[in-house]
Amino acid sequence: MLVETFSALTESWLTPMMIFSMLSAMLVLLVQRGKFLYALRNVPYPTALPVIGNAYQLNCSTEEFFKKLVKWAEQFGDIYLLWVGMRPFIFLYKAEAVQPLLKSSTHIDKSLEYEYLKPWLGTGLVTSNGEIWHRRRKMLSSTFHSCLLSDYLKIVVRESDILISCMKKEIGKSGFNMVSYAKRATLDVICDSAMGIQLNAQNNYNNEYVIAVDKVASIMQMRFTNIWISFDPIFKMTRWGKEHDSALRIINELVGKVVADRKTEWISKRDGNFNEPTTRKQAMLDLLLEMSHKHTDLTDEDIRDEVNTFMYAGHDTTATSVSWTLYALGRHPEYQKKILDEFEEVIGTKEITLDNLNKLVWLDACIKEQWRLYAVAPLIARQIYKPIEIMGNVIPPGSTVLINSYLLHRDPRHFPDPHVYRPERFLPDSPKFARFAFIPFSAGSRNCIGWKFATIIVKVIVLSILRSYHVEALDREDQLRFISELVLVNAGGIRLKVTSRDQHTNSF
């Protein structure tokens, strides 16, 4: 009887206590959410619906998505946000707004969307955060010192010559898409410098690795803007999920085999103390293998992740830069002559080197002005885990901040006539603009580690093409259809027409 009475009393108290606990937890969550929303009260945004926020407005083509980003910036001023479900995405595009973020050594974590890249890039430099990123960044800095860049330069020159040969069939035709040529050329450059193998993508269009890289990259970029396939369980059931996994297997099989083979070769060429240096040209992979001997926490899987990261981030950004540079020069042929005249004066018949390449100030200025107009990475995203003050707003943890570098680079306060292609802005004696007004490879501690190599690739390929061909761009600026992927692309590709420059040689 006493037991039954005690049980009844316990049950009578248990239910109210559970209800009280649930209500308390809900109250705490509501208070936290209220503080979160209050912190963002002064940041404007387009009309949002309950629960889904602005997601209904983002259910559009990638081309339309980019147009909306520009339109909302004009409508809301210096800062605005979009609600994607319950998450705020805050957009910045003024130098003074991006400065606190890019100068920070705390706010360096990539946005949650970079998780989409992890099946391919793992914990490579692009996707890693925290201590892993700090350790890898310090470790990999040595892979881009001047001696190695000189070796890599030879690869770029060789592949540029192959590119010129491949483009011969386009001479005199009504037009072609430069992007596909540039992607295959830069993929060959990065593949040799990263893994030490010649993929021959420029002559073998049906190479399954080349096709797989393009497929995975395209699908991942689509997930960045299509929230309906952002959830893995849904994505895995779609045809894109199946194509993604199939292509990823091809990539990992090839890179895994190359890593294993090169590791066996690397070990066989050293003595028992691993002191004997190799006499062959060193690829990034060789340096990673040496590092793995000194740093036992660098596994074969980590090496594969870094190689894949270098392959993807390296070839896509440089190919896009080459294509946009040629587009700009094709619209403004007077700068083609300035570049070629300077080349003859500075280098002429001499062998091209890093030193004399850096003396070509018109080439450098033309490429930088193209980076200003056609931003390499149009959106740079950071996840906020600690409060940060931006333009009078204390951005709370849980927010995602995005820098729209396309708009940042077209700020008329720093670049008069911002939509006009004017390379003179970047000549050595030109007026300096504000820090963080021009960030083609991001800025701060998380800037692109390979920007010097990327610049070399773009300079050599563009110079090589100009010495062989006169370039004409077929689309006007107002005909361009921008799409913001991991790089800025044109929906119709970069359409060029080339004619031969018989008075110039085809190689360096």
Protein backbone atom coordinates (compact mmCIF):
# COMPACT_ATOMS: atom_id res chain seq x y z
CA MET A 1 0.00 0.00 0.00
CA LEU A 2 2.84 2.39 0.92
CA VAL A 3 4.62 1.51 -2.33
CA GLU A 4 1.53 2.25 -4.39
CA THR A 5 0.99 5.55 -2.57
CA PHE A 6 4.64 6.58 -3.13
CA SER A 7 4.39 5.60 -6.80
CA ALA A 8 1.23 7.65 -7.26
CA LEU A 9 2.84 10.68 -5.58
CA THR A 10 5.94 10.31 -7.76
CA GLU A 11 3.88 10.10 -10.93
CA SER A 12 1.81 13.10 -9.89
CA TRP A 13 5.01 15.18 -9.49
CA LEU A 14 6.90 13.74 -12.48
CA THR A 15 4.55 15.05 -15.16
CA PRO A 16 4.53 18.67 -13.95
CA MET A 17 8.32 18.56 -13.53
CA MET A 18 8.79 17.32 -17.09
CA ILE A 19 6.42 20.00 -18.41
CA PHE A 20 8.24 22.64 -16.35
CA SER A 21 11.62 21.47 -17.68
CA MET A 22 10.42 21.52 -21.27
CA LEU A 23 8.89 24.98 -20.86
CA SER A 24 12.11 26.22 -19.23
CA ALA A 25 14.20 24.84 -22.06
CA MET A 26 11.88 26.44 -24.62
CA LEU A 27 12.05 29.74 -22.75
CA VAL A 28 15.86 29.64 -22.76
CA LEU A 29 15.88 28.91 -26.50
CA LEU A 30 13.39 31.72 -27.16
CA VAL A 31 15.46 34.16 -25.12
CA GLN A 32 18.62 33.12 -27.00
CA ARG A 33 16.84 33.43 -30.32
CA GLY A 34 15.48 36.80 -29.29
CA LYS A 35 18.99 38.06 -28.45
CA PHE A 36 20.23 36.67 -31.78
CA LEU A 37 17.53 38.48 -33.75
CA TYR A 38 17.96 41.66 -31.72
CA ALA A 39 21.68 41.77 -32.59
CA LEU A 40 20.74 41.77 -36.28
CA ARG A 41 17.84 44.21 -35.96
CA ASN A 42 19.53 46.97 -37.94
CA VAL A 43 20.68 44.81 -40.86
CA PRO A 44 18.09 45.09 -43.67
CA TYR A 45 16.86 42.14 -45.73
CA PRO A 46 14.29 41.35 -48.44
CA THR A 47 10.84 40.29 -47.31
CA ALA A 48 11.19 36.86 -45.68
CA LEU A 49 8.63 34.16 -44.93
CA PRO A 50 8.36 32.32 -41.59
CA VAL A 51 10.64 29.29 -41.19
CA ILE A 52 12.00 29.27 -44.79
CA GLY A 53 13.06 32.91 -44.80
CA ASN A 54 14.25 34.06 -48.25
CA ALA A 55 14.70 30.54 -49.57
CA TYR A 56 11.75 30.95 -51.92
CA GLN A 57 13.55 33.85 -53.61
CA LEU A 58 16.69 31.77 -54.08
CA ASN A 59 14.86 29.01 -55.94
CA CYS A 60 16.09 30.36 -59.26
CA SER A 61 18.84 29.91 -61.81
CA THR A 62 22.42 30.64 -60.75
CA GLU A 63 22.42 33.53 -63.23
CA GLU A 64 19.32 35.06 -61.66
CA PHE A 65 20.78 34.47 -58.18
CA PHE A 66 23.80 36.64 -59.03
CA LYS A 67 21.56 39.41 -60.41
CA LYS A 68 19.56 39.41 -57.18
CA LEU A 69 22.72 39.79 -55.08
CA VAL A 70 23.63 42.91 -57.07
CA LYS A 71 20.08 44.29 -56.96
CA TRP A 72 19.75 43.83 -53.19
CA ALA A 73 23.10 45.57 -52.64
CA GLU A 74 21.79 48.58 -54.58
CA GLN A 75 18.52 48.46 -52.65
CA PHE A 76 19.77 48.04 -49.08
CA GLY A 77 23.05 49.96 -48.99
CA ASP A 78 26.31 48.94 -47.36
CA ILE A 79 25.18 45.68 -45.73
CA TYR A 80 22.22 43.32 -45.95
CA LEU A 81 21.32 39.75 -45.04
CA LEU A 82 19.32 36.85 -46.41
CA TRP A 83 17.51 34.35 -44.24
CA VAL A 84 17.98 30.81 -45.51
CA GLY A 85 15.71 28.93 -43.18
CA MET A 86 16.75 30.12 -39.71
CA ARG A 87 20.32 31.01 -40.74
CA PRO A 88 21.33 34.58 -41.59
CA PHE A 89 23.75 35.12 -44.49
CA ILE A 90 25.23 38.61 -44.20
CA PHE A 91 26.68 40.23 -47.34
CA LEU A 92 29.51 42.79 -47.28
CA TYR A 93 31.02 44.71 -50.21
CA LYS A 94 32.77 47.79 -48.78
CA ALA A 95 36.47 47.92 -47.86
CA GLU A 96 35.75 49.23 -44.35
CA ALA A 97 33.18 46.47 -43.82
CA VAL A 98 35.42 43.56 -44.86
CA GLN A 99 38.48 44.83 -43.01
CA PRO A 100 37.50 43.59 -39.49
CA LEU A 101 36.80 40.14 -40.90
CA LEU A 102 39.89 39.74 -43.08
CA LYS A 103 42.28 41.24 -40.53
CA SER A 104 41.03 38.91 -37.81
CA SER A 105 43.05 35.90 -36.70
CA THR A 106 39.90 34.55 -35.01
CA HIS A 107 37.26 34.62 -37.74
CA ILE A 108 39.02 32.40 -40.27
CA ASP A 109 36.64 29.41 -40.41
CA LYS A 110 35.04 28.70 -43.78
CA SER A 111 31.25 28.63 -43.92
CA LEU A 112 29.28 25.45 -43.26
CA GLU A 113 28.67 25.09 -47.01
CA TYR A 114 32.29 24.04 -47.47
CA GLU A 115 31.25 20.70 -45.98
CA TYR A 116 30.02 19.87 -49.50
CA LEU A 117 33.67 19.84 -50.60
CA LYS A 118 34.90 17.46 -47.91
CA PRO A 119 34.05 14.19 -49.69
CA TRP A 120 36.60 15.29 -52.30
CA LEU A 121 39.01 17.65 -50.55
CA GLY A 122 38.84 16.13 -47.06
CA THR A 123 40.81 18.26 -44.59
CA GLY A 124 42.87 20.08 -47.21
CA LEU A 125 43.71 23.77 -46.86
CA VAL A 126 40.48 24.99 -48.47
CA THR A 127 38.13 23.09 -46.15
CA SER A 128 40.06 22.66 -42.88
CA ASN A 129 39.71 24.95 -39.87
CA GLY A 130 41.27 25.50 -36.47
CA GLU A 131 44.49 23.80 -35.45
CA ILE A 132 44.52 21.49 -38.50
CA TRP A 133 44.47 24.48 -40.83
CA HIS A 134 47.14 26.39 -38.89
CA ARG A 135 49.49 23.40 -38.89
CA ARG A 136 48.95 22.57 -42.56
CA ARG A 137 49.28 26.18 -43.69
CA LYS A 138 52.63 26.54 -41.95
CA MET A 139 53.79 23.19 -43.28
CA LEU A 140 52.80 23.83 -46.90
CA SER A 141 54.18 27.37 -47.20
CA SER A 142 57.54 25.96 -48.26
CA THR A 143 56.01 24.34 -51.35
CA PHE A 144 55.76 27.74 -53.03
CA HIS A 145 59.25 29.17 -52.46
CA SER A 146 61.12 30.71 -55.41
CA CYS A 147 63.27 27.68 -56.31
CA LEU A 148 60.22 25.46 -56.73
CA LEU A 149 58.37 28.19 -58.61
CA SER A 150 61.25 28.24 -61.11
CA ASP A 151 60.77 24.50 -61.66
CA TYR A 152 57.02 24.95 -61.98
CA LEU A 153 57.59 27.75 -64.51
CA LYS A 154 59.14 25.26 -66.93
CA ILE A 155 55.99 23.16 -66.75
CA VAL A 156 53.83 26.19 -67.48
CA VAL A 157 55.92 27.13 -70.53
CA ARG A 158 55.73 23.58 -71.90
CA GLU A 159 51.96 23.33 -71.48
CA SER A 160 51.49 26.82 -72.94
CA ASP A 161 53.24 25.66 -76.10
CA ILE A 162 50.90 22.68 -76.28
CA LEU A 163 47.92 25.00 -75.81
CA ILE A 164 49.07 27.20 -78.72
CA SER A 165 49.28 24.10 -80.91
CA CYS A 166 45.80 22.93 -79.85
CA MET A 167 44.30 26.34 -80.62
CA LYS A 168 45.55 26.33 -84.22
CA LYS A 169 42.37 24.68 -85.40
CA GLU A 170 40.39 27.72 -84.21
CA ILE A 171 42.27 30.20 -86.43
CA GLY A 172 39.86 32.07 -88.67
CA LYS A 173 36.74 30.38 -87.28
CA SER A 174 33.72 32.39 -86.20
CA GLY A 175 34.36 31.76 -82.50
CA PHE A 176 35.00 29.23 -79.75
CA ASN A 177 34.77 28.90 -75.95
CA MET A 178 38.16 29.67 -74.42
CA VAL A 179 37.28 28.26 -71.00
CA SER A 180 37.48 24.61 -72.07
CA TYR A 181 40.95 25.14 -73.57
CA ALA A 182 42.15 27.02 -70.49
CA LYS A 183 40.82 24.38 -68.10
CA ARG A 184 42.60 21.52 -69.85
CA ALA A 185 45.86 23.49 -70.03
CA THR A 186 45.83 24.50 -66.37
CA LEU A 187 44.79 21.00 -65.32
CA ASP A 188 47.90 19.65 -67.07
CA VAL A 189 50.06 22.30 -65.38
CA ILE A 190 48.69 21.63 -61.91
CA CYS A 191 48.71 17.86 -62.35
CA ASP A 192 52.43 17.85 -63.21
CA SER A 193 53.39 20.34 -60.50
CA ALA A 194 51.21 18.65 -57.86
CA MET A 195 51.68 14.96 -58.64
CA GLY A 196 54.60 14.85 -61.07
CA ILE A 197 52.61 13.10 -63.79
CA GLN A 198 51.68 14.32 -67.27
CA LEU A 199 47.95 13.87 -67.62
CA ASN A 200 47.87 15.11 -71.24
CA ALA A 201 44.36 16.53 -70.82
CA GLN A 202 44.95 18.98 -73.66
CA ASN A 203 45.23 16.22 -76.24
CA ASN A 204 43.06 13.58 -74.59
CA TYR A 205 39.58 15.03 -74.13
CA ASN A 206 38.17 11.66 -73.06
CA ASN A 207 40.51 11.15 -70.10
CA GLU A 208 38.20 9.83 -67.36
CA TYR A 209 40.00 11.79 -64.63
CA VAL A 210 39.51 15.06 -66.53
CA ILE A 211 35.82 14.30 -67.01
CA ALA A 212 35.44 13.28 -63.34
CA VAL A 213 37.08 16.46 -62.01
CA ASP A 214 34.79 18.63 -64.14
CA LYS A 215 31.73 16.65 -63.05
CA VAL A 216 32.42 16.78 -59.30
CA ALA A 217 33.32 20.48 -59.43
CA SER A 218 30.13 21.33 -61.33
CA ILE A 219 27.89 19.39 -58.93
CA MET A 220 29.50 20.85 -55.81
CA GLN A 221 29.16 24.38 -57.11
CA MET A 222 25.48 23.74 -57.80
CA ARG A 223 24.97 22.69 -54.15
CA PHE A 224 26.33 26.04 -52.95
CA THR A 225 23.30 27.88 -54.35
CA ASN A 226 20.60 25.17 -54.49
CA ILE A 227 19.38 24.78 -50.93
CA TRP A 228 16.97 21.98 -51.90
CA ILE A 229 19.85 19.54 -52.42
CA SER A 230 21.98 20.91 -49.60
CA PHE A 231 20.91 18.08 -47.26
CA ASP A 232 22.98 14.96 -47.79
CA PRO A 233 20.12 12.42 -47.41
CA ILE A 234 18.18 14.19 -50.19
CA PHE A 235 21.29 14.78 -52.32
CA LYS A 236 22.31 11.12 -52.17
CA MET A 237 18.95 10.08 -53.66
CA THR A 238 19.25 12.38 -56.66
CA ARG A 239 21.02 11.60 -59.94
CA TRP A 240 23.52 14.32 -59.05
CA GLY A 241 24.43 12.46 -55.88
CA LYS A 242 25.04 9.24 -57.81
CA GLU A 243 27.09 11.02 -60.51
CA HIS A 244 29.09 12.80 -57.79
CA ASP A 245 29.99 9.54 -56.02
CA SER A 246 30.89 7.79 -59.26
CA ALA A 247 33.19 10.62 -60.38
CA LEU A 248 34.74 10.85 -56.92
CA ARG A 249 35.71 7.18 -57.03
CA ILE A 250 37.59 7.76 -60.30
CA ILE A 251 39.46 10.75 -58.83
CA ASN A 252 40.43 9.01 -55.60
CA GLU A 253 41.56 5.85 -57.39
CA LEU A 254 43.94 7.79 -59.62
CA VAL A 255 45.33 10.07 -56.90
CA GLY A 256 45.57 7.19 -54.43
CA LYS A 257 47.56 5.11 -56.92
CA VAL A 258 49.88 8.02 -57.74
CA VAL A 259 50.50 8.67 -54.03
CA ALA A 260 51.22 4.98 -53.36
CA ASP A 261 53.52 4.60 -56.37
CA ARG A 262 55.42 7.81 -55.66
CA LYS A 263 55.81 6.86 -51.99
CA THR A 264 57.33 3.51 -52.96
CA GLU A 265 59.69 5.25 -55.37
CA TRP A 266 60.51 7.95 -52.83
CA ILE A 267 61.45 5.38 -50.17
CA SER A 268 63.55 3.31 -52.60
CA LYS A 269 65.74 6.30 -53.50
CA ARG A 270 66.76 7.07 -49.92
CA ASP A 271 69.12 5.42 -47.48
CA GLY A 272 68.12 3.90 -44.18
CA ASN A 273 68.01 7.34 -42.57
CA PHE A 274 65.97 8.86 -45.39
CA ASN A 275 68.70 11.44 -45.96
CA GLU A 276 69.43 10.99 -49.66
CA PRO A 277 67.71 13.77 -51.63
CA THR A 278 66.07 12.94 -54.90
CA THR A 279 67.69 14.25 -58.09
CA ARG A 280 64.45 14.37 -60.07
CA LYS A 281 62.21 17.41 -60.37
CA GLN A 282 60.14 17.64 -57.21
CA ALA A 283 56.40 17.88 -57.40
CA MET A 284 54.26 19.01 -54.49
CA LEU A 285 53.62 15.34 -53.75
CA ASP A 286 57.35 14.70 -53.20
CA LEU A 287 57.52 17.53 -50.68
CA LEU A 288 54.47 16.19 -48.86
CA LEU A 289 56.07 12.75 -48.65
CA GLU A 290 59.18 14.29 -47.13
CA MET A 291 57.01 16.18 -44.65
CA SER A 292 55.16 12.99 -43.73
CA HIS A 293 58.47 11.45 -42.67
CA LYS A 294 59.14 14.39 -40.33
CA HIS A 295 55.53 14.83 -39.25
CA THR A 296 54.08 11.40 -38.55
CA ASP A 297 50.56 12.84 -38.20
CA LEU A 298 50.53 13.60 -41.95
CA THR A 299 48.92 10.41 -43.31
CA ASP A 300 48.58 9.19 -46.88
CA GLU A 301 44.94 10.30 -46.75
CA ASP A 302 46.03 13.80 -45.66
CA ILE A 303 48.48 13.91 -48.56
CA ARG A 304 45.74 12.89 -50.97
CA ASP A 305 43.49 15.65 -49.58
CA GLU A 306 46.15 18.32 -50.15
CA VAL A 307 46.91 17.07 -53.66
CA ASN A 308 43.20 17.09 -54.53
CA THR A 309 42.85 20.59 -53.05
CA PHE A 310 45.78 21.90 -55.08
CA MET A 311 44.43 20.22 -58.21
CA TYR A 312 40.94 21.66 -57.89
CA ALA A 313 41.61 25.13 -56.47
CA GLY A 314 44.64 25.58 -58.72
CA HIS A 315 43.28 24.70 -62.12
CA ASP A 316 39.80 26.22 -61.86
CA THR A 317 40.85 29.68 -60.65
CA THR A 318 43.74 30.01 -63.09
CA ALA A 319 41.69 28.80 -66.07
CA THR A 320 39.00 31.33 -65.26
CA SER A 321 41.59 34.09 -64.88
CA VAL A 322 43.20 33.26 -68.22
CA SER A 323 39.81 33.27 -69.95
CA TRP A 324 38.64 36.58 -68.47
CA THR A 325 42.01 38.24 -69.19
CA LEU A 326 41.78 37.24 -72.84
CA TYR A 327 38.18 38.44 -72.93
CA ALA A 328 39.18 41.87 -71.60
CA LEU A 329 42.13 42.13 -73.99
CA GLY A 330 39.88 40.96 -76.82
CA ARG A 331 37.54 43.87 -76.06
CA HIS A 332 40.47 46.31 -75.79
CA PRO A 333 43.08 45.22 -78.38
CA GLU A 334 45.21 48.34 -77.84
CA TYR A 335 46.50 46.69 -74.67
CA GLN A 336 47.55 43.59 -76.60
CA LYS A 337 50.04 45.80 -78.44
CA LYS A 338 51.31 47.40 -75.21
CA ILE A 339 51.95 43.95 -73.72
CA LEU A 340 53.75 42.66 -76.81
CA ASP A 341 55.85 45.78 -77.26
CA GLU A 342 56.96 45.58 -73.65
CA PHE A 343 57.77 41.90 -74.01
CA GLU A 344 60.05 42.57 -76.97
CA GLU A 345 61.78 45.36 -75.07
CA VAL A 346 62.26 43.52 -71.77
CA ILE A 347 62.68 39.87 -72.78
CA GLY A 348 62.88 39.59 -76.56
CA THR A 349 64.73 36.41 -77.49
CA LYS A 350 65.94 35.69 -73.96
CA GLU A 351 64.58 32.80 -71.93
CA ILE A 352 61.67 33.74 -69.75
CA THR A 353 62.43 33.71 -66.01
CA LEU A 354 60.58 34.68 -62.85
CA ASP A 355 62.69 37.81 -62.68
CA ASN A 356 62.05 39.16 -66.17
CA LEU A 357 58.41 38.04 -66.06
CA ASN A 358 57.93 40.36 -63.07
CA LYS A 359 59.27 43.29 -65.12
CA LEU A 360 56.34 43.17 -67.53
CA VAL A 361 54.28 45.90 -65.85
CA TRP A 362 51.65 46.22 -68.60
CA LEU A 363 50.95 42.48 -68.51
CA ASP A 364 50.68 42.65 -64.72
CA ALA A 365 48.37 45.68 -64.84
CA CYS A 366 46.09 44.15 -67.48
CA ILE A 367 45.69 40.95 -65.46
CA LYS A 368 45.02 42.81 -62.19
CA GLU A 369 42.41 45.03 -63.84
CA GLN A 370 40.71 41.89 -65.12
CA TRP A 371 40.76 40.46 -61.57
CA ARG A 372 39.13 43.68 -60.41
CA LEU A 373 36.29 43.49 -62.92
CA TYR A 374 35.83 39.71 -62.93
CA ALA A 375 36.61 38.64 -59.39
CA VAL A 376 38.39 35.28 -59.11
CA ALA A 377 36.27 34.26 -56.11
CA PRO A 378 33.10 36.39 -56.24
CA LEU A 379 31.95 35.26 -52.79
CA ILE A 380 34.23 34.65 -49.79
CA ALA A 381 32.34 33.04 -46.90
CA ARG A 382 33.19 32.83 -43.18
CA GLN A 383 31.32 31.17 -40.34
CA ILE A 384 31.06 33.31 -37.21
CA TYR A 385 31.66 31.53 -33.88
CA LYS A 386 32.46 34.61 -31.76
CA PRO A 387 30.82 38.06 -31.93
CA ILE A 388 32.40 40.52 -34.38
CA GLU A 389 31.50 44.17 -34.93
CA ILE A 390 30.98 45.18 -38.54
CA MET A 391 29.75 48.64 -39.52
CA GLY A 392 28.18 49.24 -36.10
CA ASN A 393 26.49 45.84 -35.95
CA VAL A 394 27.65 43.15 -33.54
CA ILE A 395 27.30 40.04 -35.68
CA PRO A 396 26.38 37.11 -33.38
CA PRO A 397 27.76 33.56 -33.45
CA GLY A 398 25.78 31.33 -35.79
CA SER A 399 25.86 33.87 -38.62
CA THR A 400 27.52 33.36 -41.99
CA VAL A 401 29.28 36.41 -43.45
CA LEU A 402 29.99 36.65 -47.17
CA ILE A 403 32.22 39.17 -48.93
CA ASN A 404 30.95 39.98 -52.41
CA SER A 405 34.29 40.80 -54.05
CA TYR A 406 32.61 41.47 -57.41
CA LEU A 407 30.89 44.50 -55.86
CA LEU A 408 33.83 45.33 -53.59
CA HIS A 409 36.10 45.73 -56.63
CA ARG A 410 33.59 48.02 -58.35
CA ASP A 411 33.32 50.58 -55.57
CA PRO A 412 33.51 53.98 -57.32
CA ARG A 413 35.10 55.57 -54.24
CA HIS A 414 38.27 53.60 -54.93
CA PHE A 415 37.93 52.91 -58.65
CA PRO A 416 36.44 55.83 -60.65
CA ASP A 417 34.40 54.62 -63.63
CA PRO A 418 34.33 51.22 -61.93
CA HIS A 419 32.82 49.31 -64.85
CA VAL A 420 35.46 50.51 -67.30
CA TYR A 421 38.50 48.35 -68.11
CA ARG A 422 41.44 50.62 -67.34
CA PRO A 423 44.72 48.77 -66.57
CA GLU A 424 46.49 52.08 -65.93
CA ARG A 425 45.02 51.87 -62.40
CA PHE A 426 47.59 49.18 -61.61
CA LEU A 427 50.75 50.64 -63.13
CA PRO A 428 53.54 51.13 -60.56
CA ASP A 429 53.22 54.94 -60.42
CA SER A 430 49.40 54.98 -60.18
CA PRO A 431 47.62 56.28 -57.05
CA LYS A 432 47.17 53.65 -54.35
CA PHE A 433 43.70 52.59 -53.30
CA ALA A 434 42.47 51.62 -49.84
CA ARG A 435 43.59 48.39 -48.26
CA PHE A 436 41.03 45.60 -48.74
CA ALA A 437 39.45 47.43 -51.71
CA PHE A 438 41.09 44.89 -54.03
CA ILE A 439 41.40 41.27 -52.84
CA PRO A 440 41.69 38.94 -55.87
CA PHE A 441 43.07 36.11 -53.69
CA SER A 442 41.31 37.10 -50.48
CA ALA A 443 43.46 38.73 -47.77
CA GLY A 444 44.74 38.24 -44.27
CA SER A 445 45.93 34.96 -42.80
CA ARG A 446 43.55 32.91 -44.95
CA ASN A 447 44.56 34.32 -48.32
CA CYS A 448 45.35 31.93 -51.17
CA ILE A 449 48.65 30.17 -50.44
CA GLY A 450 49.30 29.58 -54.15
CA TRP A 451 48.59 33.08 -55.48
CA LYS A 452 52.15 33.63 -56.73
CA PHE A 453 52.09 30.40 -58.72
CA ALA A 454 48.61 31.19 -60.04
CA THR A 455 49.85 34.58 -61.22
CA ILE A 456 52.78 32.97 -63.03
CA ILE A 457 50.45 30.54 -64.81
CA VAL A 458 48.10 33.30 -65.96
CA LYS A 459 50.94 35.56 -67.13
CA VAL A 460 52.75 32.88 -69.12
CA ILE A 461 49.65 31.45 -70.79
CA VAL A 462 48.22 34.87 -71.70
CA LEU A 463 51.57 36.09 -72.98
CA SER A 464 52.08 32.92 -75.01
CA ILE A 465 48.64 33.23 -76.63
CA LEU A 466 49.10 36.92 -77.43
CA ARG A 467 52.46 36.29 -79.06
CA SER A 468 50.85 33.71 -81.33
CA TYR A 469 47.36 35.10 -81.93
CA HIS A 470 45.44 38.32 -82.17
CA VAL A 471 42.46 37.87 -79.85
CA GLU A 472 38.96 39.25 -80.37
CA ALA A 473 36.14 38.93 -77.80
CA LEU A 474 32.74 38.30 -79.36
CA ASP A 475 30.44 39.41 -76.53
CA ARG A 476 29.95 42.94 -75.25
CA GLU A 477 29.98 43.59 -71.51
CA ASP A 478 26.20 44.04 -71.48
CA GLN A 479 25.80 40.61 -73.06
CA LEU A 480 27.63 38.81 -70.26
CA ARG A 481 25.57 36.56 -67.97
CA PHE A 482 27.45 36.25 -64.69
CA ILE A 483 27.18 33.19 -62.49
CA SER A 484 28.69 33.11 -59.02
CA GLU A 485 30.20 29.68 -58.49
CA LEU A 486 33.43 29.15 -56.56
CA VAL A 487 34.77 31.25 -59.43
CA LEU A 488 32.99 33.89 -61.52
CA VAL A 489 31.85 32.41 -64.82
CA ASN A 490 29.81 33.55 -67.81
CA ALA A 491 26.76 31.46 -68.61
CA GLY A 492 27.69 31.31 -72.28
CA GLY A 493 31.39 30.71 -71.70
CA ILE A 494 34.09 33.13 -72.93
CA ARG A 495 33.65 33.36 -76.69
CA LEU A 496 36.77 34.42 -78.58
CA LYS A 497 37.99 34.61 -82.15
CA VAL A 498 41.71 34.27 -82.96
CA THR A 499 43.84 35.07 -85.99
CA SER A 500 47.52 34.28 -86.45
CA ARG A 501 50.39 36.65 -85.62
CA ASP A 502 52.86 35.38 -88.21
CA GLN A 503 55.53 37.81 -87.10
CA HIS A 504 55.75 36.17 -83.66
CA THR A 505 57.17 32.81 -82.72
CA ASN A 506 54.97 30.22 -81.06
CA SER A 507 57.16 29.49 -78.09
CA PHE A 508 59.55 31.01 -75.61
